[in-house]
């Protein structure tokens, strides 16, 4: 069921990006959500076959997710906050949710090392629910607000996110 929902979300996202340049902040970050969703599904598939074989797929997902978080936190959120003056609003909530997801990712890594499939899938289910709710808030609210306030700087901001080096 989880994989089916992620596939449907990705189909919807791909329809929007066919033949279009992902030049807006909203389009770029929404497309990156889709990439992370695909890697999540690959990770769960690998873990379902064998928890031992899930490490590589987990690392691909965790690295892509961390890159996404940093693109938002180090580039887009900062630009949005500087432009709007809102530092305790939606970006603060998103940072808090990023921290929650980072904790779940760390627990999943521990579960893989311990070869604990039940713990892995318990944490991955929690992460999937949190990611779906989080991504919806970003895609429906925050990215739209960011695009409204930052449209003149959109190309520069997307370029900064694309060229960012993960810390």
Foldseek 3Di string as FASTA:
>chain_A
DLLVVLVVLLVVLVVVPVPDDQQFQLNLLSNLLNVLSVLLSVLVVQVVVFLLRSPVSLVVNVVSLLLSVCLCPVFLVVVLCVQPVDDPPDVVVLVVLSVVLVVLSVQLNVCSVVRPSVSNVVSSVVNSVSSVVSSCCCNVPVSVSSCVRCVVCRNVSSVCSVPDDRD
